[in-house]
Amino acid sequence: MKEKIKNDMKITDLKDMLKKSGKKYENEIAYQIKKGEGNYQEITHKEVRKMIDALGTALIDMGLKDKKIAVIGENRLEWEIAYLSIVCGTGIVVPLDKSLPENELRNLIERSEVEAIFYSKKYEPMLENAKNEGVGKLKHLISMDLEQHKKGIYAQKELIEKGKELIKQGNKEFVEATIDNQKMSIMLFTSGTTSASKIVALSHYNLC
């Protein structure tokens, strides 16, 4: 019989989860990113949390405090960093289903009133069109793949570096943000297989 894993970590919200688990596993490997055959980049829990703090700080500096921000892409480190940087002190995160067709994604962008969206490369043409056509309130496109900003599109990597500098300069708005764990912080959409997708409002308390 397998021994039961003891879990005595009580958390009140996702920011609290990051703080407590980060303290416990600080120097342990959180991710191994494959860079080639037999070659992996190792990222510690401490480094992950620094990226989250930096990106959240940069988002607030962009004027996105308390705004709705979407995330779409495959399973990857950048998705997690984006999600947690939004929900742990910036605004409301809107995860979008990567399997949805373009017309449905455009519909959800409009209905959710997101002002920014993090995305992986395959969605760039569709999202550029949506922004240029004035779909909903979409203002900012943030690429998970770009190394640096290009015309009309931010690079997530560059925003993280900017956030690190802002924190060095004393900006603690994201780092010291308090979380109301009863307030809606996650806006999910149902799959919409039989009808239009419906909004599910979730709080940190719901997830914890």
N, C-alpha and C. Protein backbone atom coordinates (compact mmCIF):
# COMPACT_ATOMS: atom_id res chain seq x y z
N MET A 1 0.84 -1.20 0.00
CA MET A 1 0.00 0.00 0.00
C MET A 1 0.88 1.26 0.00
N LYS A 2 0.57 2.19 -0.89
CA LYS A 2 1.39 3.41 -0.98
C LYS A 2 1.17 4.28 0.25
N GLU A 3 2.28 4.89 0.68
CA GLU A 3 2.17 5.81 1.81
C GLU A 3 1.50 7.10 1.36
N LYS A 4 0.57 7.57 2.18
CA LYS A 4 -0.15 8.79 1.84
C LYS A 4 0.78 9.99 1.94
N ILE A 5 0.68 10.88 0.98
CA ILE A 5 1.48 12.10 1.02
C ILE A 5 0.83 13.08 1.98
N LYS A 6 1.59 13.54 2.94
CA LYS A 6 1.06 14.49 3.92
C LYS A 6 1.14 15.90 3.36
N ASN A 7 0.02 16.57 3.36
CA ASN A 7 -0.01 17.95 2.87
C ASN A 7 -0.53 18.84 3.99
N ASP A 8 0.38 19.53 4.66
CA ASP A 8 -0.02 20.37 5.78
C ASP A 8 0.11 21.85 5.46
N MET A 9 0.22 22.18 4.16
CA MET A 9 0.34 23.58 3.76
C MET A 9 -1.05 24.18 3.54
N LYS A 10 -1.43 25.06 4.43
CA LYS A 10 -2.73 25.74 4.31
C LYS A 10 -2.52 27.05 3.55
N ILE A 11 -3.32 27.26 2.51
CA ILE A 11 -3.17 28.49 1.72
C ILE A 11 -4.50 29.23 1.62
N THR A 12 -4.42 30.55 1.59
CA THR A 12 -5.62 31.39 1.51
C THR A 12 -5.89 31.89 0.10
N ASP A 13 -4.82 31.99 -0.71
CA ASP A 13 -4.94 32.48 -2.08
C ASP A 13 -3.71 32.04 -2.86
N LEU A 14 -3.71 32.30 -4.17
CA LEU A 14 -2.61 31.82 -5.00
C LEU A 14 -1.30 32.56 -4.70
N LYS A 15 -1.40 33.80 -4.29
CA LYS A 15 -0.18 34.54 -3.92
C LYS A 15 0.42 33.93 -2.65
N ASP A 16 -0.44 33.55 -1.73
CA ASP A 16 -0.01 32.89 -0.51
C ASP A 16 0.62 31.54 -0.85
N MET A 17 0.05 30.83 -1.82
CA MET A 17 0.60 29.55 -2.27
C MET A 17 2.03 29.74 -2.80
N LEU A 18 2.22 30.76 -3.64
CA LEU A 18 3.54 31.03 -4.21
C LEU A 18 4.56 31.36 -3.11
N LYS A 19 4.12 32.14 -2.15
CA LYS A 19 5.02 32.55 -1.06
C LYS A 19 5.44 31.35 -0.22
N LYS A 20 4.47 30.54 0.18
CA LYS A 20 4.77 29.42 1.08
C LYS A 20 5.51 28.28 0.37
N SER A 21 5.05 27.94 -0.82
CA SER A 21 5.73 26.86 -1.54
C SER A 21 7.11 27.32 -2.01
N GLY A 22 7.23 28.61 -2.33
CA GLY A 22 8.52 29.16 -2.72
C GLY A 22 9.54 29.09 -1.60
N LYS A 23 9.08 29.35 -0.40
CA LYS A 23 9.96 29.29 0.77
C LYS A 23 10.41 27.85 1.03
N LYS A 24 9.48 26.92 0.82
CA LYS A 24 9.76 25.51 1.09
C LYS A 24 10.67 24.88 0.04
N TYR A 25 10.48 25.27 -1.23
CA TYR A 25 11.21 24.62 -2.33
C TYR A 25 12.16 25.56 -3.07
N GLU A 26 12.46 26.70 -2.48
CA GLU A 26 13.17 27.81 -3.11
C GLU A 26 14.24 27.42 -4.13
N ASN A 27 15.17 26.56 -3.75
CA ASN A 27 16.30 26.24 -4.63
C ASN A 27 16.15 24.92 -5.39
N GLU A 28 14.97 24.31 -5.29
CA GLU A 28 14.72 23.08 -6.04
C GLU A 28 14.28 23.41 -7.47
N ILE A 29 14.46 22.45 -8.36
CA ILE A 29 14.12 22.67 -9.77
C ILE A 29 12.61 22.64 -9.97
N ALA A 30 12.07 23.70 -10.54
CA ALA A 30 10.64 23.77 -10.84
C ALA A 30 10.37 23.32 -12.27
N TYR A 31 11.27 23.67 -13.18
CA TYR A 31 11.10 23.35 -14.60
C TYR A 31 12.41 22.91 -15.23
N GLN A 32 12.30 22.02 -16.18
CA GLN A 32 13.40 21.68 -17.08
C GLN A 32 12.89 21.91 -18.49
N ILE A 33 13.44 22.91 -19.16
CA ILE A 33 13.00 23.28 -20.50
C ILE A 33 13.95 22.67 -21.53
N LYS A 34 13.42 21.84 -22.41
CA LYS A 34 14.27 21.18 -23.40
C LYS A 34 14.77 22.18 -24.44
N LYS A 35 16.08 22.23 -24.62
CA LYS A 35 16.71 23.16 -25.56
C LYS A 35 17.34 22.43 -26.74
N GLY A 36 17.36 21.13 -26.68
CA GLY A 36 17.97 20.33 -27.73
C GLY A 36 18.10 18.90 -27.21
N GLU A 37 18.61 18.03 -28.02
CA GLU A 37 18.75 16.63 -27.63
C GLU A 37 19.66 16.50 -26.41
N GLY A 38 19.06 16.09 -25.30
CA GLY A 38 19.83 15.90 -24.07
C GLY A 38 20.25 17.18 -23.38
N ASN A 39 19.75 18.33 -23.84
CA ASN A 39 20.12 19.63 -23.27
C ASN A 39 18.89 20.30 -22.67
N TYR A 40 18.93 20.57 -21.35
CA TYR A 40 17.80 21.17 -20.66
C TYR A 40 18.23 22.40 -19.88
N GLN A 41 17.36 23.40 -19.89
CA GLN A 41 17.55 24.58 -19.05
C GLN A 41 16.78 24.35 -17.75
N GLU A 42 17.46 24.44 -16.62
CA GLU A 42 16.82 24.22 -15.34
C GLU A 42 16.44 25.56 -14.71
N ILE A 43 15.21 25.63 -14.20
CA ILE A 43 14.70 26.85 -13.59
C ILE A 43 14.19 26.52 -12.19
N THR A 44 14.68 27.22 -11.19
CA THR A 44 14.29 26.95 -9.81
C THR A 44 12.97 27.64 -9.44
N HIS A 45 12.41 27.22 -8.33
CA HIS A 45 11.18 27.86 -7.84
C HIS A 45 11.42 29.34 -7.55
N LYS A 46 12.59 29.66 -7.03
CA LYS A 46 12.93 31.06 -6.74
C LYS A 46 12.92 31.90 -8.02
N GLU A 47 13.49 31.36 -9.09
CA GLU A 47 13.53 32.08 -10.37
C GLU A 47 12.13 32.26 -10.95
N VAL A 48 11.28 31.25 -10.82
CA VAL A 48 9.90 31.35 -11.31
C VAL A 48 9.18 32.49 -10.61
N ARG A 49 9.34 32.56 -9.29
CA ARG A 49 8.64 33.60 -8.54
C ARG A 49 9.17 34.99 -8.85
N LYS A 50 10.46 35.09 -9.15
CA LYS A 50 11.02 36.39 -9.56
C LYS A 50 10.42 36.83 -10.90
N MET A 51 10.23 35.89 -11.81
CA MET A 51 9.63 36.21 -13.10
C MET A 51 8.18 36.67 -12.94
N ILE A 52 7.44 36.01 -12.06
CA ILE A 52 6.05 36.38 -11.81
C ILE A 52 5.97 37.79 -11.24
N ASP A 53 6.79 38.07 -10.23
CA ASP A 53 6.80 39.41 -9.62
C ASP A 53 7.16 40.48 -10.65
N ALA A 54 8.16 40.18 -11.47
CA ALA A 54 8.62 41.16 -12.46
C ALA A 54 7.55 41.42 -13.52
N LEU A 55 6.93 40.36 -14.02
CA LEU A 55 5.92 40.54 -15.07
C LEU A 55 4.69 41.25 -14.52
N GLY A 56 4.27 40.90 -13.32
CA GLY A 56 3.13 41.59 -12.71
C GLY A 56 3.41 43.08 -12.52
N THR A 57 4.63 43.39 -12.10
CA THR A 57 5.03 44.79 -11.92
C THR A 57 4.98 45.54 -13.25
N ALA A 58 5.45 44.92 -14.32
CA ALA A 58 5.44 45.55 -15.64
C ALA A 58 4.01 45.75 -16.14
N LEU A 59 3.14 44.79 -15.88
CA LEU A 59 1.74 44.91 -16.33
C LEU A 59 1.04 46.09 -15.65
N ILE A 60 1.28 46.23 -14.35
CA ILE A 60 0.69 47.36 -13.64
C ILE A 60 1.25 48.67 -14.18
N ASP A 61 2.54 48.69 -14.48
CA ASP A 61 3.18 49.89 -15.05
C ASP A 61 2.58 50.24 -16.41
N MET A 62 2.04 49.24 -17.12
CA MET A 62 1.38 49.46 -18.42
C MET A 62 -0.04 50.01 -18.26
N GLY A 63 -0.52 50.11 -17.02
CA GLY A 63 -1.86 50.61 -16.78
C GLY A 63 -2.92 49.53 -16.73
N LEU A 64 -2.50 48.28 -16.47
CA LEU A 64 -3.44 47.16 -16.50
C LEU A 64 -3.92 46.72 -15.12
N LYS A 65 -3.69 47.52 -14.11
CA LYS A 65 -4.20 47.20 -12.77
C LYS A 65 -5.72 47.09 -12.80
N ASP A 66 -6.24 45.98 -12.26
CA ASP A 66 -7.69 45.70 -12.17
C ASP A 66 -8.36 45.50 -13.52
N LYS A 67 -7.57 45.28 -14.57
CA LYS A 67 -8.14 45.03 -15.90
C LYS A 67 -8.24 43.53 -16.16
N LYS A 68 -8.99 43.16 -17.19
CA LYS A 68 -9.10 41.77 -17.60
C LYS A 68 -8.03 41.49 -18.66
N ILE A 69 -7.29 40.39 -18.46
CA ILE A 69 -6.20 40.02 -19.35
C ILE A 69 -6.33 38.54 -19.69
N ALA A 70 -6.29 38.22 -20.98
CA ALA A 70 -6.45 36.84 -21.43
C ALA A 70 -5.11 36.15 -21.62
N VAL A 71 -5.15 34.80 -21.58
CA VAL A 71 -3.98 33.97 -21.85
C VAL A 71 -4.41 32.83 -22.75
N ILE A 72 -3.68 32.62 -23.86
CA ILE A 72 -3.97 31.49 -24.74
C ILE A 72 -2.67 30.90 -25.28
N GLY A 73 -2.58 29.59 -25.27
CA GLY A 73 -1.38 28.94 -25.77
C GLY A 73 -1.30 27.51 -25.27
N GLU A 74 -0.27 26.82 -25.72
CA GLU A 74 -0.08 25.44 -25.30
C GLU A 74 0.50 25.40 -23.89
N ASN A 75 0.61 24.18 -23.35
CA ASN A 75 1.16 23.99 -22.01
C ASN A 75 2.64 24.35 -22.01
N ARG A 76 3.01 25.42 -21.30
CA ARG A 76 4.39 25.88 -21.29
C ARG A 76 4.62 26.81 -20.12
N LEU A 77 5.88 27.02 -19.77
CA LEU A 77 6.25 27.87 -18.64
C LEU A 77 5.67 29.27 -18.78
N GLU A 78 5.77 29.85 -19.98
CA GLU A 78 5.31 31.24 -20.19
C GLU A 78 3.82 31.40 -19.88
N TRP A 79 3.04 30.35 -20.13
CA TRP A 79 1.60 30.40 -19.84
C TRP A 79 1.40 30.55 -18.33
N GLU A 80 2.10 29.73 -17.57
CA GLU A 80 1.96 29.79 -16.11
C GLU A 80 2.41 31.15 -15.56
N ILE A 81 3.55 31.63 -16.04
CA ILE A 81 4.07 32.92 -15.57
C ILE A 81 3.06 34.03 -15.86
N ALA A 82 2.49 34.02 -17.06
CA ALA A 82 1.49 35.03 -17.43
C ALA A 82 0.27 34.94 -16.52
N TYR A 83 -0.27 33.72 -16.38
CA TYR A 83 -1.48 33.51 -15.57
C TYR A 83 -1.28 34.03 -14.14
N LEU A 84 -0.19 33.61 -13.50
CA LEU A 84 0.03 33.98 -12.11
C LEU A 84 0.39 35.46 -11.94
N SER A 85 1.03 36.05 -12.94
CA SER A 85 1.36 37.48 -12.85
C SER A 85 0.10 38.34 -12.95
N ILE A 86 -0.92 37.81 -13.58
CA ILE A 86 -2.19 38.54 -13.68
C ILE A 86 -2.99 38.38 -12.39
N VAL A 87 -3.15 37.12 -11.97
CA VAL A 87 -4.10 36.80 -10.90
C VAL A 87 -3.55 37.12 -9.50
N CYS A 88 -2.26 37.28 -9.36
CA CYS A 88 -1.66 37.48 -8.03
C CYS A 88 -1.36 38.94 -7.72
N GLY A 89 -2.10 39.85 -8.30
CA GLY A 89 -1.90 41.25 -7.94
C GLY A 89 -2.14 42.26 -9.03
N THR A 90 -2.39 41.80 -10.27
CA THR A 90 -2.62 42.75 -11.36
C THR A 90 -4.11 42.93 -11.62
N GLY A 91 -4.79 41.88 -12.09
CA GLY A 91 -6.20 42.03 -12.45
C GLY A 91 -6.93 40.71 -12.50
N ILE A 92 -7.81 40.57 -13.50
CA ILE A 92 -8.62 39.36 -13.67
C ILE A 92 -8.07 38.57 -14.85
N VAL A 93 -7.77 37.29 -14.64
CA VAL A 93 -7.23 36.47 -15.72
C VAL A 93 -8.37 35.77 -16.46
N VAL A 94 -8.23 35.73 -17.79
CA VAL A 94 -9.22 35.08 -18.64
C VAL A 94 -8.51 34.02 -19.48
N PRO A 95 -8.46 32.78 -19.00
CA PRO A 95 -7.82 31.72 -19.79
C PRO A 95 -8.73 31.33 -20.96
N LEU A 96 -8.17 31.28 -22.16
CA LEU A 96 -8.96 30.94 -23.34
C LEU A 96 -8.56 29.56 -23.86
N ASP A 97 -9.55 28.79 -24.26
CA ASP A 97 -9.35 27.43 -24.74
C ASP A 97 -8.65 27.45 -26.10
N LYS A 98 -7.46 26.85 -26.16
CA LYS A 98 -6.67 26.88 -27.40
C LYS A 98 -7.28 26.07 -28.53
N SER A 99 -8.28 25.23 -28.22
CA SER A 99 -8.89 24.40 -29.26
C SER A 99 -10.08 25.07 -29.95
N LEU A 100 -10.46 26.25 -29.48
CA LEU A 100 -11.62 26.92 -30.06
C LEU A 100 -11.30 27.50 -31.44
N PRO A 101 -12.29 27.55 -32.33
CA PRO A 101 -12.07 28.15 -33.65
C PRO A 101 -11.95 29.67 -33.54
N GLU A 102 -11.41 30.29 -34.58
CA GLU A 102 -11.15 31.73 -34.56
C GLU A 102 -12.39 32.57 -34.26
N ASN A 103 -13.52 32.24 -34.88
CA ASN A 103 -14.72 33.06 -34.66
C ASN A 103 -15.17 33.03 -33.20
N GLU A 104 -15.02 31.88 -32.55
CA GLU A 104 -15.41 31.78 -31.14
C GLU A 104 -14.42 32.53 -30.25
N LEU A 105 -13.13 32.47 -30.56
CA LEU A 105 -12.13 33.21 -29.78
C LEU A 105 -12.37 34.71 -29.89
N ARG A 106 -12.65 35.18 -31.07
CA ARG A 106 -12.95 36.62 -31.25
C ARG A 106 -14.18 37.01 -30.44
N ASN A 107 -15.16 36.14 -30.42
CA ASN A 107 -16.38 36.39 -29.65
C ASN A 107 -16.08 36.50 -28.16
N LEU A 108 -15.23 35.62 -27.65
CA LEU A 108 -14.89 35.63 -26.23
C LEU A 108 -14.04 36.84 -25.86
N ILE A 109 -13.15 37.24 -26.76
CA ILE A 109 -12.35 38.45 -26.54
C ILE A 109 -13.25 39.67 -26.39
N GLU A 110 -14.27 39.72 -27.22
CA GLU A 110 -15.23 40.83 -27.16
C GLU A 110 -16.08 40.76 -25.91
N ARG A 111 -16.62 39.60 -25.62
CA ARG A 111 -17.53 39.46 -24.47
C ARG A 111 -16.82 39.67 -23.13
N SER A 112 -15.59 39.21 -23.04
CA SER A 112 -14.86 39.31 -21.77
C SER A 112 -14.30 40.71 -21.53
N GLU A 113 -14.21 41.53 -22.58
CA GLU A 113 -13.69 42.90 -22.50
C GLU A 113 -12.23 42.92 -22.02
N VAL A 114 -11.45 41.93 -22.46
CA VAL A 114 -10.03 41.94 -22.09
C VAL A 114 -9.32 43.10 -22.79
N GLU A 115 -8.35 43.68 -22.09
CA GLU A 115 -7.59 44.80 -22.65
C GLU A 115 -6.21 44.37 -23.13
N ALA A 116 -5.80 43.16 -22.73
CA ALA A 116 -4.51 42.62 -23.17
C ALA A 116 -4.63 41.12 -23.27
N ILE A 117 -3.74 40.52 -24.08
CA ILE A 117 -3.76 39.07 -24.21
C ILE A 117 -2.34 38.54 -24.41
N PHE A 118 -1.99 37.53 -23.63
CA PHE A 118 -0.75 36.78 -23.81
C PHE A 118 -1.05 35.63 -24.75
N TYR A 119 -0.14 35.36 -25.69
CA TYR A 119 -0.44 34.32 -26.67
C TYR A 119 0.84 33.70 -27.21
N SER A 120 0.72 32.48 -27.73
CA SER A 120 1.83 31.85 -28.43
C SER A 120 1.71 32.12 -29.93
N LYS A 121 2.77 31.87 -30.64
CA LYS A 121 2.98 32.35 -32.01
C LYS A 121 1.83 32.07 -32.99
N LYS A 122 1.22 30.89 -32.92
CA LYS A 122 0.21 30.50 -33.90
C LYS A 122 -1.01 31.42 -33.90
N TYR A 123 -1.23 32.15 -32.80
CA TYR A 123 -2.42 33.01 -32.70
C TYR A 123 -2.16 34.45 -33.14
N GLU A 124 -0.91 34.75 -33.49
CA GLU A 124 -0.56 36.14 -33.78
C GLU A 124 -1.35 36.75 -34.93
N PRO A 125 -1.49 36.11 -36.09
CA PRO A 125 -2.24 36.74 -37.19
C PRO A 125 -3.68 37.06 -36.81
N MET A 126 -4.34 36.11 -36.15
CA MET A 126 -5.72 36.31 -35.75
C MET A 126 -5.86 37.45 -34.75
N LEU A 127 -4.96 37.51 -33.78
CA LEU A 127 -5.04 38.54 -32.75
C LEU A 127 -4.66 39.92 -33.28
N GLU A 128 -3.71 39.99 -34.20
CA GLU A 128 -3.39 41.27 -34.83
C GLU A 128 -4.60 41.81 -35.57
N ASN A 129 -5.29 40.94 -36.29
CA ASN A 129 -6.51 41.36 -37.00
C ASN A 129 -7.57 41.84 -36.03
N ALA A 130 -7.75 41.10 -34.93
CA ALA A 130 -8.77 41.47 -33.94
C ALA A 130 -8.47 42.84 -33.33
N LYS A 131 -7.19 43.07 -33.00
CA LYS A 131 -6.82 44.37 -32.43
C LYS A 131 -7.01 45.49 -33.45
N ASN A 132 -6.55 45.27 -34.68
CA ASN A 132 -6.66 46.30 -35.72
C ASN A 132 -8.11 46.61 -36.09
N GLU A 133 -8.97 45.62 -35.96
CA GLU A 133 -10.38 45.80 -36.28
C GLU A 133 -11.19 46.33 -35.10
N GLY A 134 -10.53 46.53 -33.96
CA GLY A 134 -11.20 47.10 -32.79
C GLY A 134 -12.16 46.15 -32.10
N VAL A 135 -11.82 44.86 -32.09
CA VAL A 135 -12.68 43.89 -31.41
C VAL A 135 -12.63 44.13 -29.90
N GLY A 136 -13.79 44.35 -29.30
CA GLY A 136 -13.87 44.57 -27.86
C GLY A 136 -13.01 45.72 -27.39
N LYS A 137 -12.31 45.51 -26.27
CA LYS A 137 -11.45 46.54 -25.68
C LYS A 137 -9.97 46.21 -25.84
N LEU A 138 -9.65 45.25 -26.71
CA LEU A 138 -8.28 44.76 -26.86
C LEU A 138 -7.32 45.87 -27.29
N LYS A 139 -6.29 46.12 -26.46
CA LYS A 139 -5.30 47.16 -26.74
C LYS A 139 -3.88 46.61 -26.86
N HIS A 140 -3.56 45.61 -26.06
CA HIS A 140 -2.17 45.15 -25.96
C HIS A 140 -2.04 43.68 -26.32
N LEU A 141 -1.12 43.38 -27.24
CA LEU A 141 -0.77 42.01 -27.58
C LEU A 141 0.58 41.70 -26.97
N ILE A 142 0.68 40.55 -26.26
CA ILE A 142 1.93 40.20 -25.58
C ILE A 142 2.33 38.78 -26.01
N SER A 143 3.42 38.69 -26.76
CA SER A 143 3.88 37.43 -27.31
C SER A 143 4.72 36.63 -26.31
N MET A 144 4.41 35.33 -26.20
CA MET A 144 5.22 34.44 -25.36
C MET A 144 6.52 34.05 -26.05
N ASP A 145 6.62 34.32 -27.35
CA ASP A 145 7.75 33.82 -28.15
C ASP A 145 8.78 34.86 -28.54
N LEU A 146 8.37 36.10 -28.70
CA LEU A 146 9.31 37.14 -29.12
C LEU A 146 10.40 37.38 -28.08
N GLU A 147 11.60 37.70 -28.54
CA GLU A 147 12.70 38.04 -27.65
C GLU A 147 12.65 39.51 -27.26
N GLN A 148 12.11 40.35 -28.17
CA GLN A 148 11.98 41.78 -27.88
C GLN A 148 10.76 42.35 -28.58
N HIS A 149 10.32 43.50 -28.10
CA HIS A 149 9.14 44.14 -28.66
C HIS A 149 9.30 44.40 -30.15
N LYS A 150 8.22 44.27 -30.89
CA LYS A 150 8.20 44.73 -32.27
C LYS A 150 6.96 45.60 -32.43
N LYS A 151 6.82 46.26 -33.52
CA LYS A 151 5.75 47.24 -33.72
C LYS A 151 4.38 46.67 -33.34
N GLY A 152 3.78 47.28 -32.32
CA GLY A 152 2.43 46.90 -31.91
C GLY A 152 2.34 45.65 -31.05
N ILE A 153 3.47 45.00 -30.75
CA ILE A 153 3.44 43.76 -29.98
C ILE A 153 4.55 43.77 -28.92
N TYR A 154 4.15 43.46 -27.68
CA TYR A 154 5.11 43.36 -26.59
C TYR A 154 5.68 41.94 -26.53
N ALA A 155 6.91 41.83 -26.03
CA ALA A 155 7.52 40.52 -25.78
C ALA A 155 7.45 40.24 -24.28
N GLN A 156 6.90 39.10 -23.92
CA GLN A 156 6.80 38.74 -22.50
C GLN A 156 8.18 38.76 -21.84
N LYS A 157 9.19 38.24 -22.52
CA LYS A 157 10.55 38.20 -21.97
C LYS A 157 11.05 39.61 -21.65
N GLU A 158 10.78 40.55 -22.55
CA GLU A 158 11.27 41.91 -22.34
C GLU A 158 10.51 42.61 -21.21
N LEU A 159 9.21 42.29 -21.09
CA LEU A 159 8.43 42.87 -19.99
C LEU A 159 8.95 42.36 -18.64
N ILE A 160 9.37 41.10 -18.59
CA ILE A 160 9.93 40.55 -17.35
C ILE A 160 11.20 41.32 -16.97
N GLU A 161 12.06 41.59 -17.94
CA GLU A 161 13.28 42.34 -17.67
C GLU A 161 12.97 43.76 -17.21
N LYS A 162 11.96 44.36 -17.83
CA LYS A 162 11.55 45.71 -17.43
C LYS A 162 11.04 45.70 -16.00
N GLY A 163 10.24 44.69 -15.67
CA GLY A 163 9.70 44.58 -14.32
C GLY A 163 10.78 44.41 -13.27
N LYS A 164 11.83 43.66 -13.60
CA LYS A 164 12.94 43.48 -12.67
C LYS A 164 13.60 44.82 -12.36
N GLU A 165 13.76 45.65 -13.39
CA GLU A 165 14.35 46.97 -13.19
C GLU A 165 13.44 47.86 -12.34
N LEU A 166 12.14 47.80 -12.59
CA LEU A 166 11.18 48.59 -11.81
C LEU A 166 11.23 48.20 -10.33
N ILE A 167 11.34 46.90 -10.06
CA ILE A 167 11.42 46.42 -8.67
C ILE A 167 12.71 46.92 -8.03
N LYS A 168 13.82 46.88 -8.78
CA LYS A 168 15.10 47.39 -8.28
C LYS A 168 15.00 48.87 -7.91
N GLN A 169 14.17 49.59 -8.68
CA GLN A 169 13.98 51.03 -8.45
C GLN A 169 13.01 51.31 -7.31
N GLY A 170 12.44 50.26 -6.72
CA GLY A 170 11.57 50.44 -5.56
C GLY A 170 10.09 50.25 -5.80
N ASN A 171 9.71 49.84 -7.01
CA ASN A 171 8.29 49.62 -7.30
C ASN A 171 7.84 48.32 -6.65
N LYS A 172 6.97 48.41 -5.64
CA LYS A 172 6.49 47.23 -4.90
C LYS A 172 4.98 47.02 -5.07
N GLU A 173 4.39 47.70 -6.05
CA GLU A 173 2.93 47.66 -6.18
C GLU A 173 2.40 46.24 -6.38
N PHE A 174 3.07 45.45 -7.20
CA PHE A 174 2.63 44.07 -7.40
C PHE A 174 3.09 43.18 -6.25
N VAL A 175 4.35 43.30 -5.87
CA VAL A 175 4.93 42.44 -4.84
C VAL A 175 4.14 42.53 -3.53
N GLU A 176 3.70 43.73 -3.20
CA GLU A 176 2.99 43.93 -1.93
C GLU A 176 1.47 43.98 -2.09
N ALA A 177 0.98 43.64 -3.26
CA ALA A 177 -0.47 43.66 -3.49
C ALA A 177 -1.17 42.66 -2.58
N THR A 178 -2.29 43.06 -2.00
CA THR A 178 -3.07 42.14 -1.16
C THR A 178 -4.17 41.52 -2.01
N ILE A 179 -4.54 40.29 -1.69
CA ILE A 179 -5.53 39.56 -2.46
C ILE A 179 -6.83 39.42 -1.66
N ASP A 180 -7.94 39.82 -2.26
CA ASP A 180 -9.26 39.54 -1.71
C ASP A 180 -9.66 38.17 -2.25
N ASN A 181 -9.59 37.16 -1.41
CA ASN A 181 -9.79 35.80 -1.93
C ASN A 181 -11.24 35.44 -2.23
N GLN A 182 -12.15 36.37 -1.95
CA GLN A 182 -13.57 36.15 -2.27
C GLN A 182 -13.99 36.85 -3.56
N LYS A 183 -13.15 37.73 -4.04
CA LYS A 183 -13.47 38.53 -5.23
C LYS A 183 -13.21 37.74 -6.51
N MET A 184 -14.02 37.97 -7.56
CA MET A 184 -13.77 37.29 -8.82
C MET A 184 -12.41 37.71 -9.37
N SER A 185 -11.55 36.70 -9.59
CA SER A 185 -10.22 36.97 -10.13
C SER A 185 -9.93 36.15 -11.38
N ILE A 186 -10.78 35.14 -11.63
CA ILE A 186 -10.62 34.27 -12.79
C ILE A 186 -11.94 34.21 -13.54
N MET A 187 -11.92 34.54 -14.82
CA MET A 187 -13.11 34.47 -15.66
C MET A 187 -12.93 33.31 -16.65
N LEU A 188 -13.65 32.23 -16.39
CA LEU A 188 -13.58 31.06 -17.26
C LEU A 188 -14.79 31.01 -18.17
N PHE A 189 -14.61 30.42 -19.34
CA PHE A 189 -15.73 30.19 -20.24
C PHE A 189 -15.94 28.69 -20.39
N THR A 190 -17.20 28.27 -20.37
CA THR A 190 -17.51 26.86 -20.61
C THR A 190 -17.18 26.53 -22.07
N SER A 191 -17.15 25.24 -22.39
CA SER A 191 -16.73 24.82 -23.73
C SER A 191 -17.68 25.27 -24.83
N GLY A 192 -18.94 25.47 -24.51
CA GLY A 192 -19.90 25.94 -25.52
C GLY A 192 -20.19 24.91 -26.60
N THR A 193 -20.14 23.62 -26.25
CA THR A 193 -20.35 22.57 -27.26
C THR A 193 -21.78 22.49 -27.75
N THR A 194 -22.72 22.85 -26.89
CA THR A 194 -24.14 22.77 -27.29
C THR A 194 -24.79 24.13 -27.45
N SER A 195 -24.16 25.17 -26.95
CA SER A 195 -24.69 26.53 -27.08
C SER A 195 -23.55 27.51 -26.87
N ALA A 196 -23.89 28.80 -26.79
CA ALA A 196 -22.85 29.81 -26.59
C ALA A 196 -22.15 29.58 -25.25
N SER A 197 -20.83 29.83 -25.21
CA SER A 197 -20.06 29.66 -23.98
C SER A 197 -20.63 30.54 -22.88
N LYS A 198 -20.65 30.01 -21.68
CA LYS A 198 -21.13 30.77 -20.52
C LYS A 198 -19.95 31.13 -19.62
N ILE A 199 -20.07 32.25 -18.93
CA ILE A 199 -19.00 32.72 -18.04
C ILE A 199 -19.13 32.06 -16.68
N VAL A 200 -17.98 31.57 -16.18
CA VAL A 200 -17.90 31.04 -14.82
C VAL A 200 -16.95 31.96 -14.06
N ALA A 201 -17.46 32.61 -13.02
CA ALA A 201 -16.64 33.53 -12.22
C ALA A 201 -16.05 32.79 -11.03
N LEU A 202 -14.72 32.80 -10.91
CA LEU A 202 -14.03 32.10 -9.83
C LEU A 202 -13.17 33.06 -9.01
N SER A 203 -13.02 32.73 -7.76
CA SER A 203 -12.16 33.51 -6.86
C SER A 203 -10.95 32.67 -6.44
N HIS A 204 -10.01 33.30 -5.77
CA HIS A 204 -8.87 32.56 -5.22
C HIS A 204 -9.37 31.50 -4.24
N TYR A 205 -10.39 31.85 -3.47
CA TYR A 205 -10.94 30.91 -2.49
C TYR A 205 -11.46 29.65 -3.19
N ASN A 206 -12.13 29.82 -4.30
CA ASN A 206 -12.65 28.66 -5.05
C ASN A 206 -11.52 27.70 -5.42
N LEU A 207 -10.40 28.24 -5.91
CA LEU A 207 -9.30 27.40 -6.35
C LEU A 207 -8.55 26.77 -5.16
N CYS A 208 -8.38 27.56 -4.13
CA CYS A 208 -7.60 27.06 -2.97
C CYS A 208 -8.38 26.02 -2.19
